[in-house]
Amino acid sequence: IASKGWKLADDWKKKANGIAPTIVG
């Protein structure tokens, strides 16, 4: 997510603080 220099990536990391629901194909 931070690979292109997003200034708020650190903040996003803290907010995305759970695991994913089931990935469905």
PDB file of all heavy atoms in Angstrom:
ATOM      1  N   ILE A   1       0.831  -1.209   0.000  1.00  0.00           N
ATOM      2  CA  ILE A   1       0.000   0.000   0.000  1.00  0.00           C
ATOM      3  C   ILE A   1       0.866   1.260   0.000  1.00  0.00           C
ATOM      4  O   ILE A   1       0.527   2.270  -0.630  1.00  0.00           O
ATOM      5  CB  ILE A   1      -0.941  -0.003   1.233  1.00  0.00           C
ATOM      6  CG1 ILE A   1      -2.026  -1.085   1.079  1.00  0.00           C
ATOM      7  CG2 ILE A   1      -1.576   1.367   1.450  1.00  0.00           C
ATOM      8  CD1 ILE A   1      -3.055  -0.809  -0.001  1.00  0.00           C
ATOM      9  N   ALA A   2       1.997   1.207   0.686  1.00  0.00           N
ATOM     10  CA  ALA A   2       2.866   2.382   0.811  1.00  0.00           C
ATOM     11  C   ALA A   2       3.915   2.479  -0.279  1.00  0.00           C
ATOM     12  O   ALA A   2       4.731   3.409  -0.275  1.00  0.00           O
ATOM     13  CB  ALA A   2       3.560   2.353   2.176  1.00  0.00           C
ATOM     14  N   SER A   3       3.888   1.563  -1.244  1.00  0.00           N
ATOM     15  CA  SER A   3       4.978   1.453  -2.214  1.00  0.00           C
ATOM     16  C   SER A   3       5.119   2.666  -3.133  1.00  0.00           C
ATOM     17  O   SER A   3       6.180   2.872  -3.732  1.00  0.00           O
ATOM     18  CB  SER A   3       4.805   0.189  -3.053  1.00  0.00           C
ATOM     19  OG  SER A   3       3.598   0.237  -3.800  1.00  0.00           O
ATOM     20  N   LYS A   4       4.066   3.476  -3.250  1.00  0.00           N
ATOM     21  CA  LYS A   4       4.152   4.670  -4.104  1.00  0.00           C
ATOM     22  C   LYS A   4       4.166   5.967  -3.299  1.00  0.00           C
ATOM     23  O   LYS A   4       3.857   7.043  -3.812  1.00  0.00           O
ATOM     24  CB  LYS A   4       2.995   4.674  -5.113  1.00  0.00           C
ATOM     25  CG  LYS A   4       3.104   3.540  -6.131  1.00  0.00           C
ATOM     26  CD  LYS A   4       2.060   3.661  -7.226  1.00  0.00           C
ATOM     27  CE  LYS A   4       2.249   2.565  -8.263  1.00  0.00           C
ATOM     28  NZ  LYS A   4       1.245   2.666  -9.373  1.00  0.00           N
ATOM     29  N   GLY A   5       4.513   5.831  -2.018  1.00  0.00           N
ATOM     30  CA  GLY A   5       4.754   7.012  -1.208  1.00  0.00           C
ATOM     31  C   GLY A   5       3.542   7.683  -0.608  1.00  0.00           C
ATOM     32  O   GLY A   5       3.599   8.862  -0.228  1.00  0.00           O
ATOM     33  N   TRP A   6       2.436   6.945  -0.433  1.00  0.00           N
ATOM     34  CA  TRP A   6       1.228   7.544   0.151  1.00  0.00           C
ATOM     35  C   TRP A   6       1.549   8.100   1.543  1.00  0.00           C
ATOM     36  O   TRP A   6       2.013   7.380   2.421  1.00  0.00           O
ATOM     37  CB  TRP A   6       0.132   6.475   0.221  1.00  0.00           C
ATOM     38  CG  TRP A   6      -1.200   6.978   0.703  1.00  0.00           C
ATOM     39  CD1 TRP A   6      -1.690   8.241   0.617  1.00  0.00           C
ATOM     40  CD2 TRP A   6      -2.219   6.192   1.332  1.00  0.00           C
ATOM     41  NE1 TRP A   6      -2.946   8.308   1.144  1.00  0.00           N
ATOM     42  CE2 TRP A   6      -3.305   7.064   1.598  1.00  0.00           C
ATOM     43  CE3 TRP A   6      -2.332   4.856   1.690  1.00  0.00           C
ATOM     44  CZ2 TRP A   6      -4.473   6.638   2.216  1.00  0.00           C
ATOM     45  CZ3 TRP A   6      -3.498   4.434   2.294  1.00  0.00           C
ATOM     46  CH2 TRP A   6      -4.550   5.302   2.551  1.00  0.00           C
ATOM     47  N   LYS A   7       1.285   9.378   1.742  1.00  0.00           N
ATOM     48  CA  LYS A   7       1.641  10.064   2.986  1.00  0.00           C
ATOM     49  C   LYS A   7       0.881   9.524   4.193  1.00  0.00           C
ATOM     50  O   LYS A   7       1.353   9.626   5.328  1.00  0.00           O
ATOM     51  CB  LYS A   7       1.400  11.571   2.848  1.00  0.00           C
ATOM     52  CG  LYS A   7       2.336  12.271   1.891  1.00  0.00           C
ATOM     53  CD  LYS A   7       2.145  13.771   1.911  1.00  0.00           C
ATOM     54  CE  LYS A   7       0.792  14.182   1.385  1.00  0.00           C
ATOM     55  NZ  LYS A   7       0.664  15.664   1.277  1.00  0.00           N
ATOM     56  N   LEU A   8      -0.311   8.977   3.963  1.00  0.00           N
ATOM     57  CA  LEU A   8      -1.138   8.524   5.078  1.00  0.00           C
ATOM     58  C   LEU A   8      -1.110   6.999   5.257  1.00  0.00           C
ATOM     59  O   LEU A   8      -1.968   6.437   5.933  1.00  0.00           O
ATOM     60  CB  LEU A   8      -2.581   9.000   4.885  1.00  0.00           C
ATOM     61  CG  LEU A   8      -2.770  10.531   4.861  1.00  0.00           C
ATOM     62  CD1 LEU A   8      -4.218  10.883   4.586  1.00  0.00           C
ATOM     63  CD2 LEU A   8      -2.311  11.138   6.167  1.00  0.00           C
ATOM     64  N   ALA A   9      -0.126   6.351   4.654  1.00  0.00           N
ATOM     65  CA  ALA A   9      -0.061   4.889   4.729  1.00  0.00           C
ATOM     66  C   ALA A   9       0.104   4.397   6.165  1.00  0.00           C
ATOM     67  O   ALA A   9      -0.478   3.379   6.553  1.00  0.00           O
ATOM     68  CB  ALA A   9       1.076   4.363   3.863  1.00  0.00           C
ATOM     69  N   ASP A  10       0.881   5.099   6.977  1.00  0.00           N
ATOM     70  CA  ASP A  10       1.059   4.680   8.369  1.00  0.00           C
ATOM     71  C   ASP A  10      -0.256   4.753   9.132  1.00  0.00           C
ATOM     72  O   ASP A  10      -0.565   3.873   9.943  1.00  0.00           O
ATOM     73  CB  ASP A  10       2.096   5.577   9.060  1.00  0.00           C
ATOM     74  CG  ASP A  10       3.516   5.246   8.625  1.00  0.00           C
ATOM     75  OD1 ASP A  10       3.909   4.080   8.760  1.00  0.00           O
ATOM     76  OD2 ASP A  10       4.211   6.141   8.142  1.00  0.00           O
ATOM     77  N   ASP A  11      -1.029   5.785   8.865  1.00  0.00           N
ATOM     78  CA  ASP A  11      -2.322   5.939   9.515  1.00  0.00           C
ATOM     79  C   ASP A  11      -3.272   4.832   9.058  1.00  0.00           C
ATOM     80  O   ASP A  11      -4.013   4.251   9.865  1.00  0.00           O
ATOM     81  CB  ASP A  11      -2.908   7.310   9.190  1.00  0.00           C
ATOM     82  CG  ASP A  11      -4.218   7.565   9.917  1.00  0.00           C
ATOM     83  OD1 ASP A  11      -4.244   7.419  11.154  1.00  0.00           O
ATOM     84  OD2 ASP A  11      -5.219   7.887   9.243  1.00  0.00           O
ATOM     85  N   TRP A  12      -3.232   4.521   7.754  1.00  0.00           N
ATOM     86  CA  TRP A  12      -4.085   3.439   7.226  1.00  0.00           C
ATOM     87  C   TRP A  12      -3.730   2.115   7.882  1.00  0.00           C
ATOM     88  O   TRP A  12      -4.610   1.326   8.230  1.00  0.00           O
ATOM     89  CB  TRP A  12      -3.911   3.334   5.709  1.00  0.00           C
ATOM     90  CG  TRP A  12      -4.655   2.159   5.133  1.00  0.00           C
ATOM     91  CD1 TRP A  12      -5.963   2.120   4.779  1.00  0.00           C
ATOM     92  CD2 TRP A  12      -4.128   0.838   4.911  1.00  0.00           C
ATOM     93  NE1 TRP A  12      -6.295   0.855   4.333  1.00  0.00           N
ATOM     94  CE2 TRP A  12      -5.189   0.052   4.401  1.00  0.00           C
ATOM     95  CE3 TRP A  12      -2.872   0.259   5.069  1.00  0.00           C
ATOM     96  CZ2 TRP A  12      -5.024  -1.284   4.071  1.00  0.00           C
ATOM     97  CZ3 TRP A  12      -2.703  -1.085   4.739  1.00  0.00           C
ATOM     98  CH2 TRP A  12      -3.771  -1.842   4.241  1.00  0.00           C
ATOM     99  N   LYS A  13      -2.449   1.853   8.065  1.00  0.00           N
ATOM    100  CA  LYS A  13      -2.000   0.600   8.675  1.00  0.00           C
ATOM    101  C   LYS A  13      -2.631   0.410  10.052  1.00  0.00           C
ATOM    102  O   LYS A  13      -3.057  -0.699  10.414  1.00  0.00           O
ATOM    103  CB  LYS A  13      -0.481   0.599   8.788  1.00  0.00           C
ATOM    104  CG  LYS A  13       0.099  -0.646   9.462  1.00  0.00           C
ATOM    105  CD  LYS A  13       1.617  -0.544   9.556  1.00  0.00           C
ATOM    106  CE  LYS A  13       2.204  -1.760  10.264  1.00  0.00           C
ATOM    107  NZ  LYS A  13       3.680  -1.670  10.379  1.00  0.00           N
ATOM    108  N   LYS A  14      -2.716   1.469  10.823  1.00  0.00           N
ATOM    109  CA  LYS A  14      -3.307   1.390  12.162  1.00  0.00           C
ATOM    110  C   LYS A  14      -4.808   1.139  12.092  1.00  0.00           C
ATOM    111  O   LYS A  14      -5.365   0.419  12.934  1.00  0.00           O
ATOM    112  CB  LYS A  14      -3.028   2.681  12.921  1.00  0.00           C
ATOM    113  CG  LYS A  14      -1.554   2.941  13.202  1.00  0.00           C
ATOM    114  CD  LYS A  14      -1.346   4.299  13.852  1.00  0.00           C
ATOM    115  CE  LYS A  14       0.136   4.602  14.040  1.00  0.00           C
ATOM    116  NZ  LYS A  14       0.362   5.963  14.596  1.00  0.00           N
ATOM    117  N   LYS A  15      -5.474   1.718  11.085  1.00  0.00           N
ATOM    118  CA  LYS A  15      -6.923   1.575  10.977  1.00  0.00           C
ATOM    119  C   LYS A  15      -7.325   0.208  10.421  1.00  0.00           C
ATOM    120  O   LYS A  15      -8.382  -0.327  10.779  1.00  0.00           O
ATOM    121  CB  LYS A  15      -7.483   2.678  10.086  1.00  0.00           C
ATOM    122  CG  LYS A  15      -7.408   4.068  10.718  1.00  0.00           C
ATOM    123  CD  LYS A  15      -7.953   5.124   9.774  1.00  0.00           C
ATOM    124  CE  LYS A  15      -7.943   6.501  10.417  1.00  0.00           C
ATOM    125  NZ  LYS A  15      -8.414   7.562   9.489  1.00  0.00           N
ATOM    126  N   ALA A  16      -6.490  -0.362   9.569  1.00  0.00           N
ATOM    127  CA  ALA A  16      -6.783  -1.682   8.994  1.00  0.00           C
ATOM    128  C   ALA A  16      -6.326  -2.754   9.978  1.00  0.00           C
ATOM    129  O   ALA A  16      -5.445  -3.568   9.699  1.00  0.00           O
ATOM    130  CB  ALA A  16      -6.079  -1.829   7.647  1.00  0.00           C
ATOM    131  N   ASN A  17      -6.957  -2.759  11.149  1.00  0.00           N
ATOM    132  CA  ASN A  17      -6.434  -3.515  12.297  1.00  0.00           C
ATOM    133  C   ASN A  17      -7.158  -4.833  12.566  1.00  0.00           C
ATOM    134  O   ASN A  17      -7.266  -5.279  13.705  1.00  0.00           O
ATOM    135  CB  ASN A  17      -6.476  -2.640  13.551  1.00  0.00           C
ATOM    136  CG  ASN A  17      -7.890  -2.207  13.896  1.00  0.00           C
ATOM    137  OD1 ASN A  17      -8.824  -2.498  13.160  1.00  0.00           O
ATOM    138  ND2 ASN A  17      -8.046  -1.521  15.013  1.00  0.00           N
ATOM    139  N   GLY A  18      -7.650  -5.466  11.514  1.00  0.00           N
ATOM    140  CA  GLY A  18      -8.284  -6.777  11.656  1.00  0.00           C
ATOM    141  C   GLY A  18      -7.894  -7.660  10.491  1.00  0.00           C
ATOM    142  O   GLY A  18      -7.135  -7.251   9.599  1.00  0.00           O
ATOM    143  N   ILE A  19      -8.398  -8.902  10.493  1.00  0.00           N
ATOM    144  CA  ILE A  19      -8.128  -9.793   9.366  1.00  0.00           C
ATOM    145  C   ILE A  19      -9.285  -9.724   8.377  1.00  0.00           C
ATOM    146  O   ILE A  19     -10.368  -9.222   8.691  1.00  0.00           O
ATOM    147  CB  ILE A  19      -7.870 -11.232   9.825  1.00  0.00           C
ATOM    148  CG1 ILE A  19      -9.115 -11.832  10.484  1.00  0.00           C
ATOM    149  CG2 ILE A  19      -6.675 -11.286  10.761  1.00  0.00           C
ATOM    150  CD1 ILE A  19      -8.962 -13.319  10.820  1.00  0.00           C
ATOM    151  N   ALA A  20      -9.059 -10.231   7.184  1.00  0.00           N
ATOM    152  CA  ALA A  20     -10.006 -10.093   6.087  1.00  0.00           C
ATOM    153  C   ALA A  20     -11.201 -11.029   6.225  1.00  0.00           C
ATOM    154  O   ALA A  20     -11.090 -12.106   6.811  1.00  0.00           O
ATOM    155  CB  ALA A  20      -9.303 -10.383   4.764  1.00  0.00           C
ATOM    156  N   PRO A  21     -12.342 -10.626   5.655  1.00  0.00           N
ATOM    157  CA  PRO A  21     -13.421 -11.603   5.465  1.00  0.00           C
ATOM    158  C   PRO A  21     -12.999 -12.585   4.378  1.00  0.00           C
ATOM    159  O   PRO A  21     -11.946 -12.422   3.754  1.00  0.00           O
ATOM    160  CB  PRO A  21     -14.601 -10.730   5.008  1.00  0.00           C
ATOM    161  CG  PRO A  21     -13.957  -9.529   4.376  1.00  0.00           C
ATOM    162  CD  PRO A  21     -12.698  -9.287   5.153  1.00  0.00           C
ATOM    163  N   THR A  22     -13.797 -13.589   4.143  1.00  0.00           N
ATOM    164  CA  THR A  22     -13.444 -14.625   3.167  1.00  0.00           C
ATOM    165  C   THR A  22     -13.280 -14.041   1.773  1.00  0.00           C
ATOM    166  O   THR A  22     -14.173 -13.351   1.263  1.00  0.00           O
ATOM    167  CB  THR A  22     -14.514 -15.720   3.130  1.00  0.00           C
ATOM    168  OG1 THR A  22     -14.670 -16.261   4.439  1.00  0.00           O
ATOM    169  CG2 THR A  22     -14.122 -16.829   2.167  1.00  0.00           C
ATOM    170  N   ILE A  23     -12.137 -14.312   1.153  1.00  0.00           N
ATOM    171  CA  ILE A  23     -11.921 -13.953  -0.243  1.00  0.00           C
ATOM    172  C   ILE A  23     -12.737 -14.909  -1.097  1.00  0.00           C
ATOM    173  O   ILE A  23     -12.655 -16.126  -0.939  1.00  0.00           O
ATOM    174  CB  ILE A  23     -10.433 -14.071  -0.635  1.00  0.00           C
ATOM    175  CG1 ILE A  23      -9.562 -13.174   0.249  1.00  0.00           C
ATOM    176  CG2 ILE A  23     -10.226 -13.753  -2.102  1.00  0.00           C
ATOM    177  CD1 ILE A  23      -9.789 -11.704   0.052  1.00  0.00           C
ATOM    178  N   VAL A  24     -13.535 -14.375  -2.010  1.00  0.00           N
ATOM    179  CA  VAL A  24     -14.382 -15.223  -2.852  1.00  0.00           C
ATOM    180  C   VAL A  24     -13.983 -15.061  -4.310  1.00  0.00           C
ATOM    181  O   VAL A  24     -13.789 -13.959  -4.796  1.00  0.00           O
ATOM    182  CB  VAL A  24     -15.880 -14.896  -2.675  1.00  0.00           C
ATOM    183  CG1 VAL A  24     -16.353 -15.295  -1.289  1.00  0.00           C
ATOM    184  CG2 VAL A  24     -16.163 -13.415  -2.898  1.00  0.00           C
ATOM    185  N   GLY A  25     -13.862 -16.196  -4.994  1.00  0.00           N
ATOM    186  CA  GLY A  25     -13.524 -16.150  -6.409  1.00  0.00           C
ATOM    187  C   GLY A  25     -14.756 -16.238  -7.279  1.00  0.00           C
ATOM    188  O   GLY A  25     -14.861 -15.583  -8.298  1.00  0.00           O
TER     189      GLY A  25
END
